[in-house]
N, C-alpha and C. Protein backbone atom coordinates (compact mmCIF):
# COMPACT_ATOMS: atom_id res chain seq x y z
N MET A 1 9.00 40.25 19.48
CA MET A 1 7.90 41.02 18.88
C MET A 1 7.64 40.56 17.45
N LYS A 2 8.74 40.37 16.69
CA LYS A 2 8.59 39.93 15.31
C LYS A 2 7.95 38.55 15.24
N LYS A 3 8.34 37.67 16.18
CA LYS A 3 7.75 36.33 16.21
C LYS A 3 6.26 36.40 16.52
N LEU A 4 5.87 37.28 17.41
CA LEU A 4 4.46 37.43 17.77
C LEU A 4 3.66 37.92 16.58
N VAL A 5 4.22 38.89 15.83
CA VAL A 5 3.53 39.41 14.65
C VAL A 5 3.40 38.32 13.59
N LEU A 6 4.48 37.54 13.38
CA LEU A 6 4.44 36.45 12.40
C LEU A 6 3.42 35.40 12.78
N LEU A 7 3.38 35.03 14.07
CA LEU A 7 2.41 34.04 14.53
C LEU A 7 0.99 34.55 14.35
N SER A 8 0.77 35.83 14.62
CA SER A 8 -0.56 36.42 14.45
C SER A 8 -1.00 36.39 12.99
N MET A 9 -0.05 36.66 12.08
CA MET A 9 -0.36 36.64 10.64
C MET A 9 -0.71 35.24 10.19
N VAL A 10 0.02 34.24 10.68
CA VAL A 10 -0.25 32.84 10.32
C VAL A 10 -1.62 32.42 10.82
N MET A 11 -1.95 32.76 12.05
CA MET A 11 -3.25 32.41 12.63
C MET A 11 -4.38 33.10 11.87
N LEU A 12 -4.16 34.36 11.49
CA LEU A 12 -5.18 35.09 10.74
C LEU A 12 -5.40 34.47 9.38
N ALA A 13 -4.30 34.10 8.69
CA ALA A 13 -4.41 33.47 7.37
C ALA A 13 -5.14 32.14 7.46
N SER A 14 -4.84 31.37 8.51
CA SER A 14 -5.50 30.07 8.70
C SER A 14 -6.98 30.26 8.96
N ALA A 15 -7.33 31.27 9.76
CA ALA A 15 -8.74 31.54 10.07
C ALA A 15 -9.50 31.95 8.82
N VAL A 16 -8.87 32.78 7.98
CA VAL A 16 -9.52 33.22 6.74
C VAL A 16 -9.74 32.05 5.80
N ALA A 17 -8.70 31.20 5.65
CA ALA A 17 -8.81 30.03 4.78
C ALA A 17 -9.89 29.08 5.27
N PHE A 18 -9.96 28.89 6.61
CA PHE A 18 -10.97 28.00 7.18
C PHE A 18 -12.38 28.55 6.95
N ALA A 19 -12.52 29.89 7.10
CA ALA A 19 -13.84 30.51 6.92
C ALA A 19 -14.30 30.44 5.48
N GLN A 20 -13.36 30.47 4.52
CA GLN A 20 -13.72 30.47 3.11
C GLN A 20 -13.88 29.08 2.53
N SER A 21 -13.48 28.04 3.26
CA SER A 21 -13.54 26.68 2.73
C SER A 21 -14.98 26.21 2.61
N GLU A 22 -15.22 25.39 1.59
CA GLU A 22 -16.56 24.85 1.35
C GLU A 22 -16.78 23.52 2.05
N PHE A 23 -15.69 22.85 2.48
CA PHE A 23 -15.79 21.51 3.05
C PHE A 23 -15.26 21.48 4.48
N LYS A 24 -15.83 20.61 5.28
CA LYS A 24 -15.37 20.41 6.65
C LYS A 24 -13.96 19.80 6.63
N PRO A 25 -13.10 20.19 7.57
CA PRO A 25 -11.69 19.80 7.46
C PRO A 25 -11.38 18.35 7.81
N PHE A 26 -12.05 17.75 8.79
CA PHE A 26 -11.70 16.41 9.24
C PHE A 26 -12.62 15.36 8.61
N ARG A 27 -12.01 14.22 8.29
CA ARG A 27 -12.80 13.09 7.81
C ARG A 27 -12.05 11.79 8.08
N VAL A 28 -12.79 10.69 8.13
CA VAL A 28 -12.21 9.36 8.30
C VAL A 28 -12.79 8.46 7.21
N GLY A 29 -11.93 7.91 6.39
CA GLY A 29 -12.36 7.01 5.32
C GLY A 29 -12.06 5.57 5.66
N LEU A 30 -12.90 4.67 5.19
CA LEU A 30 -12.67 3.24 5.34
C LEU A 30 -13.27 2.51 4.17
N GLY A 31 -12.66 1.38 3.81
CA GLY A 31 -13.17 0.65 2.66
C GLY A 31 -12.37 -0.61 2.38
N THR A 32 -12.59 -1.15 1.20
CA THR A 32 -11.96 -2.40 0.78
C THR A 32 -11.63 -2.32 -0.69
N GLY A 33 -11.01 -3.36 -1.20
CA GLY A 33 -10.66 -3.36 -2.61
C GLY A 33 -9.97 -4.64 -3.01
N TYR A 34 -9.42 -4.62 -4.23
CA TYR A 34 -8.76 -5.80 -4.80
C TYR A 34 -7.28 -5.49 -5.01
N ALA A 35 -6.42 -6.38 -4.52
CA ALA A 35 -4.98 -6.21 -4.65
C ALA A 35 -4.45 -7.11 -5.75
N VAL A 36 -3.61 -6.55 -6.62
CA VAL A 36 -3.00 -7.30 -7.72
C VAL A 36 -1.49 -7.30 -7.52
N PRO A 37 -0.92 -8.34 -6.92
CA PRO A 37 0.54 -8.39 -6.71
C PRO A 37 1.27 -8.69 -8.01
N GLN A 38 2.56 -8.37 -8.03
CA GLN A 38 3.38 -8.55 -9.22
C GLN A 38 4.24 -9.80 -9.10
N GLY A 39 4.69 -10.32 -10.23
CA GLY A 39 5.63 -11.43 -10.23
C GLY A 39 5.01 -12.77 -10.58
N ASP A 40 5.86 -13.71 -11.02
CA ASP A 40 5.41 -15.05 -11.37
C ASP A 40 4.85 -15.77 -10.14
N GLY A 41 3.72 -16.42 -10.33
CA GLY A 41 3.11 -17.17 -9.25
C GLY A 41 2.26 -16.36 -8.31
N ALA A 42 2.17 -15.04 -8.51
CA ALA A 42 1.38 -14.18 -7.62
C ALA A 42 -0.11 -14.38 -7.88
N LYS A 43 -0.90 -14.18 -6.84
CA LYS A 43 -2.36 -14.26 -6.95
C LYS A 43 -2.99 -13.10 -6.19
N GLY A 44 -4.05 -12.55 -6.76
CA GLY A 44 -4.71 -11.40 -6.17
C GLY A 44 -5.42 -11.71 -4.87
N GLY A 45 -5.71 -10.65 -4.13
CA GLY A 45 -6.41 -10.80 -2.86
C GLY A 45 -7.19 -9.55 -2.52
N ILE A 46 -7.45 -9.35 -1.25
CA ILE A 46 -8.27 -8.22 -0.83
C ILE A 46 -7.45 -7.20 -0.03
N VAL A 47 -7.93 -5.97 -0.03
CA VAL A 47 -7.31 -4.89 0.71
C VAL A 47 -8.35 -4.31 1.66
N LEU A 48 -7.96 -4.02 2.88
CA LEU A 48 -8.80 -3.33 3.86
C LEU A 48 -8.03 -2.10 4.35
N TYR A 49 -8.71 -0.95 4.44
CA TYR A 49 -7.97 0.25 4.84
C TYR A 49 -8.80 1.16 5.74
N LEU A 50 -8.07 1.97 6.53
CA LEU A 50 -8.63 3.04 7.35
C LEU A 50 -7.76 4.26 7.10
N GLU A 51 -8.40 5.42 6.79
CA GLU A 51 -7.63 6.59 6.38
C GLU A 51 -8.22 7.89 6.94
N PRO A 52 -7.73 8.34 8.10
CA PRO A 52 -8.13 9.66 8.60
C PRO A 52 -7.34 10.75 7.86
N SER A 53 -7.96 11.91 7.64
CA SER A 53 -7.26 12.98 6.92
C SER A 53 -7.77 14.34 7.37
N TYR A 54 -7.01 15.36 7.01
CA TYR A 54 -7.34 16.74 7.34
C TYR A 54 -7.16 17.60 6.09
N ARG A 55 -8.17 18.42 5.79
CA ARG A 55 -8.09 19.31 4.63
C ARG A 55 -7.36 20.59 5.02
N VAL A 56 -6.18 20.81 4.45
CA VAL A 56 -5.47 22.07 4.63
C VAL A 56 -6.24 23.19 3.93
N SER A 57 -6.83 22.84 2.81
CA SER A 57 -7.71 23.73 2.05
C SER A 57 -8.69 22.85 1.31
N ASP A 58 -9.62 23.45 0.55
CA ASP A 58 -10.56 22.64 -0.22
C ASP A 58 -9.84 21.80 -1.27
N ALA A 59 -8.68 22.26 -1.73
CA ALA A 59 -7.96 21.56 -2.79
C ALA A 59 -6.93 20.56 -2.28
N ILE A 60 -6.48 20.71 -1.03
CA ILE A 60 -5.38 19.88 -0.53
C ILE A 60 -5.78 19.19 0.77
N ALA A 61 -5.55 17.87 0.83
CA ALA A 61 -5.81 17.09 2.04
C ALA A 61 -4.58 16.28 2.40
N LEU A 62 -4.27 16.20 3.69
CA LEU A 62 -3.17 15.39 4.20
C LEU A 62 -3.73 14.30 5.10
N GLY A 63 -3.19 13.09 4.99
CA GLY A 63 -3.79 12.01 5.76
C GLY A 63 -2.83 10.90 6.14
N LEU A 64 -3.36 9.94 6.89
CA LEU A 64 -2.66 8.72 7.27
C LEU A 64 -3.41 7.54 6.66
N ARG A 65 -2.67 6.53 6.21
CA ARG A 65 -3.30 5.33 5.67
C ARG A 65 -2.82 4.11 6.42
N LEU A 66 -3.77 3.38 7.03
CA LEU A 66 -3.49 2.10 7.68
C LEU A 66 -4.13 1.03 6.82
N GLU A 67 -3.33 0.11 6.28
CA GLU A 67 -3.86 -0.82 5.28
C GLU A 67 -3.34 -2.24 5.50
N THR A 68 -4.21 -3.21 5.23
CA THR A 68 -3.82 -4.62 5.22
C THR A 68 -4.13 -5.19 3.84
N ALA A 69 -3.14 -5.84 3.23
CA ALA A 69 -3.31 -6.49 1.94
C ALA A 69 -3.11 -7.99 2.12
N ILE A 70 -4.15 -8.77 1.81
CA ILE A 70 -4.10 -10.23 1.96
C ILE A 70 -3.99 -10.83 0.56
N MET A 71 -2.83 -11.38 0.23
CA MET A 71 -2.59 -11.84 -1.14
C MET A 71 -1.40 -12.81 -1.16
N LEU A 72 -1.13 -13.36 -2.33
CA LEU A 72 0.01 -14.25 -2.54
C LEU A 72 1.04 -13.51 -3.38
N ARG A 73 2.16 -13.16 -2.78
CA ARG A 73 3.21 -12.45 -3.50
C ARG A 73 3.94 -13.39 -4.46
N GLY A 74 4.44 -12.83 -5.56
CA GLY A 74 5.15 -13.63 -6.56
C GLY A 74 6.58 -13.89 -6.14
N THR A 75 6.98 -15.17 -6.14
CA THR A 75 8.33 -15.56 -5.73
C THR A 75 8.97 -16.43 -6.80
N THR A 76 10.22 -16.14 -7.12
CA THR A 76 11.01 -17.00 -8.00
C THR A 76 12.20 -17.52 -7.21
N TYR A 77 12.73 -18.69 -7.59
CA TYR A 77 13.87 -19.26 -6.90
C TYR A 77 14.89 -19.75 -7.92
N VAL A 78 16.11 -19.81 -7.50
CA VAL A 78 17.20 -20.30 -8.33
C VAL A 78 17.91 -21.43 -7.59
N ILE A 79 17.90 -22.61 -8.19
CA ILE A 79 18.58 -23.77 -7.63
C ILE A 79 19.38 -24.42 -8.75
N SER A 80 20.66 -24.60 -8.52
CA SER A 80 21.55 -25.20 -9.52
C SER A 80 21.44 -24.47 -10.86
N ASN A 81 21.43 -23.13 -10.80
CA ASN A 81 21.38 -22.27 -11.99
C ASN A 81 20.07 -22.39 -12.78
N THR A 82 19.04 -22.98 -12.17
CA THR A 82 17.74 -23.09 -12.82
C THR A 82 16.75 -22.17 -12.10
N THR A 83 16.06 -21.31 -12.87
CA THR A 83 15.12 -20.35 -12.30
C THR A 83 13.69 -20.81 -12.55
N SER A 84 12.86 -20.83 -11.51
CA SER A 84 11.46 -21.24 -11.63
C SER A 84 10.61 -20.41 -10.67
N ALA A 85 9.30 -20.45 -10.88
CA ALA A 85 8.36 -19.77 -9.99
C ALA A 85 7.92 -20.71 -8.89
N GLY A 86 7.70 -20.17 -7.70
CA GLY A 86 7.24 -20.98 -6.59
C GLY A 86 5.74 -20.85 -6.39
N SER A 87 5.15 -21.89 -5.81
CA SER A 87 3.74 -21.87 -5.44
C SER A 87 3.68 -21.65 -3.94
N GLY A 88 3.24 -20.46 -3.53
CA GLY A 88 3.35 -20.08 -2.12
C GLY A 88 2.04 -20.09 -1.37
N SER A 89 2.09 -19.56 -0.15
CA SER A 89 0.92 -19.47 0.70
C SER A 89 0.48 -18.01 0.82
N VAL A 90 -0.80 -17.81 1.00
CA VAL A 90 -1.36 -16.46 1.14
C VAL A 90 -0.95 -15.88 2.48
N SER A 91 -0.60 -14.60 2.50
CA SER A 91 -0.22 -13.94 3.74
C SER A 91 -0.74 -12.51 3.75
N ALA A 92 -0.84 -11.93 4.94
CA ALA A 92 -1.34 -10.56 5.09
C ALA A 92 -0.18 -9.63 5.41
N SER A 93 -0.08 -8.52 4.68
CA SER A 93 0.95 -7.52 4.91
C SER A 93 0.29 -6.20 5.26
N GLY A 94 0.88 -5.47 6.20
CA GLY A 94 0.31 -4.19 6.62
C GLY A 94 1.19 -3.03 6.21
N SER A 95 0.60 -1.84 6.08
CA SER A 95 1.37 -0.64 5.77
C SER A 95 0.87 0.53 6.62
N TYR A 96 1.80 1.43 6.93
CA TYR A 96 1.53 2.60 7.76
C TYR A 96 2.17 3.79 7.06
N THR A 97 1.35 4.60 6.38
CA THR A 97 1.90 5.63 5.50
C THR A 97 1.21 6.98 5.72
N VAL A 98 1.87 8.03 5.24
CA VAL A 98 1.28 9.36 5.17
C VAL A 98 1.09 9.71 3.70
N ASN A 99 0.10 10.55 3.40
CA ASN A 99 -0.15 10.88 2.01
C ASN A 99 -0.75 12.28 1.86
N GLY A 100 -0.81 12.71 0.62
CA GLY A 100 -1.44 13.98 0.28
C GLY A 100 -2.25 13.83 -0.99
N GLN A 101 -3.33 14.63 -1.10
CA GLN A 101 -4.19 14.59 -2.28
C GLN A 101 -4.48 16.01 -2.76
N TYR A 102 -4.55 16.14 -4.07
CA TYR A 102 -4.93 17.43 -4.66
C TYR A 102 -6.21 17.24 -5.46
N TYR A 103 -7.24 18.04 -5.13
CA TYR A 103 -8.54 17.95 -5.80
C TYR A 103 -8.64 18.99 -6.91
N PHE A 104 -9.22 18.57 -8.04
CA PHE A 104 -9.33 19.44 -9.20
C PHE A 104 -10.65 20.20 -9.27
N SER A 105 -11.59 19.87 -8.37
CA SER A 105 -12.91 20.49 -8.44
C SER A 105 -13.54 20.56 -7.06
N ASN A 106 -14.42 21.54 -6.86
CA ASN A 106 -15.20 21.65 -5.64
C ASN A 106 -16.66 21.25 -5.87
N LYS A 107 -16.94 20.65 -7.00
CA LYS A 107 -18.31 20.25 -7.32
C LYS A 107 -18.63 18.90 -6.68
N GLY A 108 -19.78 18.34 -7.02
CA GLY A 108 -20.19 17.07 -6.43
C GLY A 108 -19.26 15.92 -6.78
N PHE A 109 -18.74 15.93 -8.01
CA PHE A 109 -17.77 14.91 -8.45
C PHE A 109 -16.38 15.55 -8.37
N ARG A 110 -15.51 14.99 -7.53
CA ARG A 110 -14.23 15.63 -7.23
C ARG A 110 -13.05 14.70 -7.55
N PRO A 111 -12.52 14.74 -8.76
CA PRO A 111 -11.34 13.93 -9.09
C PRO A 111 -10.10 14.44 -8.37
N PHE A 112 -9.18 13.54 -8.08
CA PHE A 112 -7.95 13.93 -7.38
C PHE A 112 -6.77 13.07 -7.82
N VAL A 113 -5.57 13.58 -7.55
CA VAL A 113 -4.34 12.81 -7.65
C VAL A 113 -3.61 12.96 -6.33
N GLY A 114 -2.75 12.01 -6.03
CA GLY A 114 -2.03 12.09 -4.77
C GLY A 114 -0.87 11.13 -4.74
N ALA A 115 -0.19 11.11 -3.60
CA ALA A 115 0.94 10.22 -3.40
C ALA A 115 1.15 10.02 -1.91
N GLY A 116 1.75 8.89 -1.56
CA GLY A 116 2.03 8.61 -0.16
C GLY A 116 3.31 7.82 0.00
N LEU A 117 3.81 7.75 1.21
CA LEU A 117 5.02 6.99 1.51
C LEU A 117 5.00 6.57 2.97
N GLY A 118 5.76 5.50 3.25
CA GLY A 118 5.81 5.02 4.62
C GLY A 118 6.38 3.63 4.72
N LEU A 119 6.00 2.91 5.77
CA LEU A 119 6.56 1.60 6.08
C LEU A 119 5.57 0.49 5.76
N TYR A 120 6.11 -0.59 5.19
CA TYR A 120 5.32 -1.78 4.86
C TYR A 120 5.86 -2.96 5.67
N SER A 121 4.98 -3.57 6.46
CA SER A 121 5.35 -4.73 7.26
C SER A 121 4.96 -5.98 6.48
N LEU A 122 5.95 -6.71 5.98
CA LEU A 122 5.72 -7.84 5.08
C LEU A 122 5.72 -9.15 5.86
N ALA A 123 4.67 -9.94 5.67
CA ALA A 123 4.57 -11.22 6.37
C ALA A 123 5.43 -12.27 5.68
N SER A 124 6.01 -13.17 6.45
CA SER A 124 6.75 -14.29 5.86
C SER A 124 5.77 -15.40 5.47
N ALA A 125 6.19 -16.22 4.53
CA ALA A 125 5.34 -17.32 4.07
C ALA A 125 6.22 -18.43 3.50
N SER A 126 5.66 -19.61 3.34
CA SER A 126 6.39 -20.74 2.75
C SER A 126 5.97 -20.92 1.31
N PHE A 127 6.82 -21.60 0.52
CA PHE A 127 6.41 -21.95 -0.83
C PHE A 127 6.98 -23.30 -1.22
N THR A 128 6.35 -23.95 -2.20
CA THR A 128 6.79 -25.25 -2.71
C THR A 128 7.27 -25.06 -4.14
N TYR A 129 8.33 -25.71 -4.49
CA TYR A 129 8.86 -25.57 -5.84
C TYR A 129 9.06 -26.94 -6.47
N ALA A 130 9.15 -26.97 -7.79
CA ALA A 130 9.38 -28.21 -8.52
C ALA A 130 10.66 -28.07 -9.33
N SER A 131 11.50 -29.11 -9.35
CA SER A 131 12.75 -29.06 -10.11
C SER A 131 12.95 -30.39 -10.82
N ASN A 132 13.07 -30.33 -12.15
CA ASN A 132 13.29 -31.53 -12.97
C ASN A 132 12.24 -32.61 -12.72
N GLY A 133 11.00 -32.15 -12.49
CA GLY A 133 9.90 -33.09 -12.30
C GLY A 133 9.79 -33.62 -10.90
N ASN A 134 10.74 -33.31 -10.03
CA ASN A 134 10.68 -33.76 -8.65
C ASN A 134 10.27 -32.59 -7.76
N THR A 135 9.32 -32.78 -6.88
CA THR A 135 8.82 -31.72 -6.02
C THR A 135 9.56 -31.73 -4.69
N SER A 136 10.03 -30.56 -4.28
CA SER A 136 10.73 -30.42 -3.02
C SER A 136 10.15 -29.24 -2.27
N THR A 137 10.32 -29.22 -0.97
CA THR A 137 9.83 -28.10 -0.15
C THR A 137 11.01 -27.42 0.53
N SER A 138 11.07 -26.12 0.39
CA SER A 138 12.17 -25.37 1.01
C SER A 138 11.95 -25.25 2.50
N ASN A 139 12.98 -24.77 3.17
CA ASN A 139 12.86 -24.45 4.59
C ASN A 139 11.82 -23.34 4.73
N THR A 140 10.70 -23.61 5.40
CA THR A 140 9.60 -22.65 5.42
C THR A 140 9.96 -21.34 6.10
N SER A 141 10.92 -21.33 7.01
CA SER A 141 11.26 -20.08 7.68
C SER A 141 12.10 -19.16 6.80
N ASP A 142 12.67 -19.72 5.74
CA ASP A 142 13.54 -18.93 4.87
C ASP A 142 12.95 -18.71 3.48
N ALA A 143 11.83 -19.35 3.16
CA ALA A 143 11.34 -19.36 1.79
C ALA A 143 10.98 -17.97 1.29
N VAL A 144 10.04 -17.31 1.94
CA VAL A 144 9.62 -15.96 1.55
C VAL A 144 9.82 -15.06 2.76
N SER A 145 10.71 -14.11 2.62
CA SER A 145 11.09 -13.31 3.78
C SER A 145 10.02 -12.31 4.18
N GLY A 146 9.99 -11.98 5.45
CA GLY A 146 9.13 -10.93 5.95
C GLY A 146 9.96 -9.68 6.24
N GLY A 147 9.63 -8.98 7.30
CA GLY A 147 10.38 -7.79 7.65
C GLY A 147 9.65 -6.51 7.27
N THR A 148 10.33 -5.39 7.46
CA THR A 148 9.75 -4.08 7.18
C THR A 148 10.56 -3.37 6.11
N LYS A 149 9.86 -2.79 5.13
CA LYS A 149 10.51 -2.07 4.05
C LYS A 149 9.83 -0.72 3.85
N PHE A 150 10.60 0.21 3.32
CA PHE A 150 10.07 1.52 2.96
C PHE A 150 9.47 1.45 1.56
N GLY A 151 8.34 2.13 1.35
CA GLY A 151 7.71 2.14 0.03
C GLY A 151 6.93 3.41 -0.19
N PHE A 152 6.44 3.58 -1.40
CA PHE A 152 5.62 4.74 -1.72
C PHE A 152 4.61 4.37 -2.80
N TYR A 153 3.64 5.27 -3.02
CA TYR A 153 2.60 4.98 -4.01
C TYR A 153 2.03 6.27 -4.59
N PRO A 154 1.84 6.31 -5.91
CA PRO A 154 0.99 7.33 -6.52
C PRO A 154 -0.45 6.84 -6.50
N ARG A 155 -1.39 7.76 -6.54
CA ARG A 155 -2.81 7.38 -6.56
C ARG A 155 -3.61 8.36 -7.41
N ILE A 156 -4.71 7.87 -7.93
CA ILE A 156 -5.65 8.69 -8.67
C ILE A 156 -7.05 8.18 -8.35
N GLY A 157 -8.01 9.10 -8.24
CA GLY A 157 -9.36 8.66 -7.89
C GLY A 157 -10.34 9.82 -7.89
N PHE A 158 -11.46 9.60 -7.20
CA PHE A 158 -12.47 10.66 -7.11
C PHE A 158 -13.32 10.46 -5.86
N ASP A 159 -13.90 11.56 -5.38
CA ASP A 159 -14.92 11.56 -4.34
C ASP A 159 -16.24 11.95 -4.98
N ALA A 160 -17.32 11.37 -4.51
CA ALA A 160 -18.67 11.75 -4.93
C ALA A 160 -19.57 11.62 -3.72
N SER A 161 -20.02 12.77 -3.20
CA SER A 161 -20.73 12.79 -1.93
C SER A 161 -19.81 12.18 -0.86
N HIS A 162 -20.26 11.11 -0.16
CA HIS A 162 -19.40 10.47 0.84
C HIS A 162 -18.85 9.13 0.33
N PHE A 163 -18.86 8.95 -0.96
CA PHE A 163 -18.30 7.75 -1.60
C PHE A 163 -16.95 8.13 -2.22
N THR A 164 -15.99 7.21 -2.15
CA THR A 164 -14.69 7.47 -2.76
C THR A 164 -14.17 6.21 -3.45
N MET A 165 -13.40 6.42 -4.51
CA MET A 165 -12.77 5.32 -5.24
C MET A 165 -11.39 5.78 -5.68
N ASN A 166 -10.41 4.90 -5.58
CA ASN A 166 -9.08 5.26 -6.08
C ASN A 166 -8.29 4.03 -6.51
N ILE A 167 -7.26 4.29 -7.29
CA ILE A 167 -6.32 3.27 -7.75
C ILE A 167 -4.93 3.68 -7.30
N GLU A 168 -4.22 2.77 -6.66
CA GLU A 168 -2.87 3.04 -6.17
C GLU A 168 -1.91 1.96 -6.67
N TYR A 169 -0.67 2.36 -6.89
CA TYR A 169 0.36 1.37 -7.20
C TYR A 169 1.43 1.47 -6.13
N ASN A 170 1.52 0.45 -5.28
CA ASN A 170 2.45 0.42 -4.16
C ASN A 170 3.80 -0.12 -4.63
N ILE A 171 4.83 0.69 -4.48
CA ILE A 171 6.18 0.35 -4.95
C ILE A 171 7.05 0.07 -3.73
N ILE A 172 7.45 -1.19 -3.59
CA ILE A 172 8.18 -1.66 -2.41
C ILE A 172 9.38 -2.46 -2.89
N GLY A 173 10.47 -2.38 -2.18
CA GLY A 173 11.67 -3.12 -2.57
C GLY A 173 11.48 -4.62 -2.54
N LYS A 174 12.24 -5.34 -3.37
CA LYS A 174 12.18 -6.80 -3.41
C LYS A 174 12.77 -7.40 -2.13
N SER A 175 12.35 -8.63 -1.83
CA SER A 175 12.91 -9.40 -0.73
C SER A 175 13.72 -10.55 -1.31
N THR A 176 14.94 -10.76 -0.82
CA THR A 176 15.77 -11.86 -1.30
C THR A 176 16.23 -12.71 -0.11
N ASN A 177 16.35 -14.00 -0.36
CA ASN A 177 16.76 -14.95 0.69
C ASN A 177 17.62 -16.04 0.10
N SER A 178 18.41 -16.67 0.96
CA SER A 178 19.05 -17.93 0.60
C SER A 178 18.47 -19.00 1.52
N PHE A 179 18.37 -20.23 1.02
CA PHE A 179 17.74 -21.29 1.80
C PHE A 179 18.32 -22.63 1.38
N THR A 180 18.07 -23.62 2.21
CA THR A 180 18.50 -24.98 1.93
C THR A 180 17.35 -25.75 1.30
N ALA A 181 17.62 -26.38 0.17
CA ALA A 181 16.59 -27.13 -0.55
C ALA A 181 17.10 -28.53 -0.84
N THR A 182 16.20 -29.40 -1.29
CA THR A 182 16.60 -30.74 -1.72
C THR A 182 16.23 -30.93 -3.17
N SER A 183 17.12 -31.50 -3.93
CA SER A 183 16.87 -31.81 -5.34
C SER A 183 17.33 -33.23 -5.59
N ASN A 184 16.36 -34.12 -5.91
CA ASN A 184 16.67 -35.55 -6.08
C ASN A 184 17.33 -36.13 -4.83
N GLY A 185 16.86 -35.65 -3.67
CA GLY A 185 17.36 -36.18 -2.41
C GLY A 185 18.67 -35.61 -1.95
N VAL A 186 19.24 -34.67 -2.72
CA VAL A 186 20.53 -34.08 -2.36
C VAL A 186 20.31 -32.65 -1.87
N ALA A 187 20.90 -32.32 -0.71
CA ALA A 187 20.76 -30.97 -0.16
C ALA A 187 21.60 -29.99 -0.97
N THR A 188 21.02 -28.83 -1.25
CA THR A 188 21.73 -27.80 -1.99
C THR A 188 21.25 -26.43 -1.52
N THR A 189 21.99 -25.40 -1.87
CA THR A 189 21.62 -24.04 -1.47
C THR A 189 20.98 -23.31 -2.65
N GLY A 190 19.85 -22.68 -2.37
CA GLY A 190 19.17 -21.91 -3.40
C GLY A 190 18.92 -20.49 -2.95
N THR A 191 18.47 -19.66 -3.85
CA THR A 191 18.11 -18.28 -3.52
C THR A 191 16.69 -18.00 -4.00
N SER A 192 15.99 -17.14 -3.27
CA SER A 192 14.63 -16.77 -3.66
C SER A 192 14.53 -15.25 -3.76
N GLU A 193 13.65 -14.79 -4.64
CA GLU A 193 13.39 -13.36 -4.80
C GLU A 193 11.89 -13.14 -4.83
N THR A 194 11.40 -12.28 -3.94
CA THR A 194 9.97 -12.01 -3.83
C THR A 194 9.68 -10.58 -4.24
N LYS A 195 8.75 -10.41 -5.17
CA LYS A 195 8.33 -9.07 -5.58
C LYS A 195 7.20 -8.60 -4.66
N ASN A 196 7.36 -7.44 -4.07
CA ASN A 196 6.40 -6.94 -3.10
C ASN A 196 5.47 -5.86 -3.64
N ASN A 197 5.71 -5.37 -4.87
CA ASN A 197 4.84 -4.35 -5.46
C ASN A 197 3.43 -4.89 -5.66
N TYR A 198 2.44 -4.00 -5.50
CA TYR A 198 1.07 -4.42 -5.83
C TYR A 198 0.21 -3.22 -6.21
N LEU A 199 -0.72 -3.49 -7.12
CA LEU A 199 -1.73 -2.52 -7.53
C LEU A 199 -2.97 -2.74 -6.69
N ALA A 200 -3.61 -1.66 -6.24
CA ALA A 200 -4.84 -1.78 -5.45
C ALA A 200 -5.93 -0.91 -6.05
N VAL A 201 -7.08 -1.52 -6.29
CA VAL A 201 -8.28 -0.80 -6.75
C VAL A 201 -9.25 -0.81 -5.58
N LYS A 202 -9.60 0.39 -5.05
CA LYS A 202 -10.32 0.45 -3.78
C LYS A 202 -11.57 1.32 -3.87
N VAL A 203 -12.57 0.92 -3.11
CA VAL A 203 -13.79 1.71 -2.96
C VAL A 203 -14.07 1.84 -1.47
N GLY A 204 -14.71 2.94 -1.08
CA GLY A 204 -15.00 3.14 0.32
C GLY A 204 -15.91 4.31 0.56
N VAL A 205 -16.10 4.61 1.82
CA VAL A 205 -16.92 5.74 2.25
C VAL A 205 -16.11 6.54 3.26
N PHE A 206 -16.52 7.77 3.51
CA PHE A 206 -15.86 8.55 4.55
C PHE A 206 -16.89 9.27 5.42
N ILE A 207 -16.52 9.38 6.69
CA ILE A 207 -17.36 10.05 7.70
C ILE A 207 -16.75 11.42 7.96
N GLY A 208 -17.58 12.45 7.91
CA GLY A 208 -17.07 13.81 8.04
C GLY A 208 -16.56 14.30 6.70
N GLY A 209 -16.01 15.51 6.69
CA GLY A 209 -15.40 16.03 5.47
C GLY A 209 -16.38 16.46 4.40
N GLY A 210 -17.66 16.49 4.72
CA GLY A 210 -18.66 16.87 3.72
C GLY A 210 -18.73 18.38 3.51
N ARG A 211 -19.60 18.77 2.60
CA ARG A 211 -19.76 20.18 2.28
C ARG A 211 -20.46 20.90 3.43
N ARG A 212 -20.01 22.10 3.73
CA ARG A 212 -20.64 22.89 4.77
C ARG A 212 -22.04 23.31 4.32
N LYS A 213 -22.97 23.39 5.26
CA LYS A 213 -24.33 23.80 4.95
C LYS A 213 -24.46 25.30 4.99
């Protein structure tokens, strides 16, 4: 009996909150942006994302983010106690995360802050390095590691009508590898470290989630 009363109270509270909300609860966002990876030798690229979400209230939204970042991650290597930056290849990495946003206004311009966390699938790539003026190529399967890592991101942005813009900083653990390299024709063992963090500046639109008429 107590459980039935509690369930009834929860359903009633949800119905009241839904009736008083100014915005429709479901929406799907999609867009693109510019990715700025960290580390020596890194080069920026593009971001593509799809983000369905549900408004718990007008101020709070919970969602999923499916994202692909195409960029060159920064990699450094150490061979014979010498540290240098590598020149690598562009690769695409995907992420599958959950997030939440808090809106500061119900007006036409709606600034928000939020955060998310989840899994990042990192693509492997090769890189070329130079040592003492001689150019050598590492074992491409070991140069820049792939795999899956856990990460999170804070975000800040705004909605305006069905347009949205935000800035996120994706914090992901480093990737480290050991590999066989050649220096002056002699085989030696080196280590590489890849920084996976990246800043993303994104713009997009969303379907649904608009103001109720």
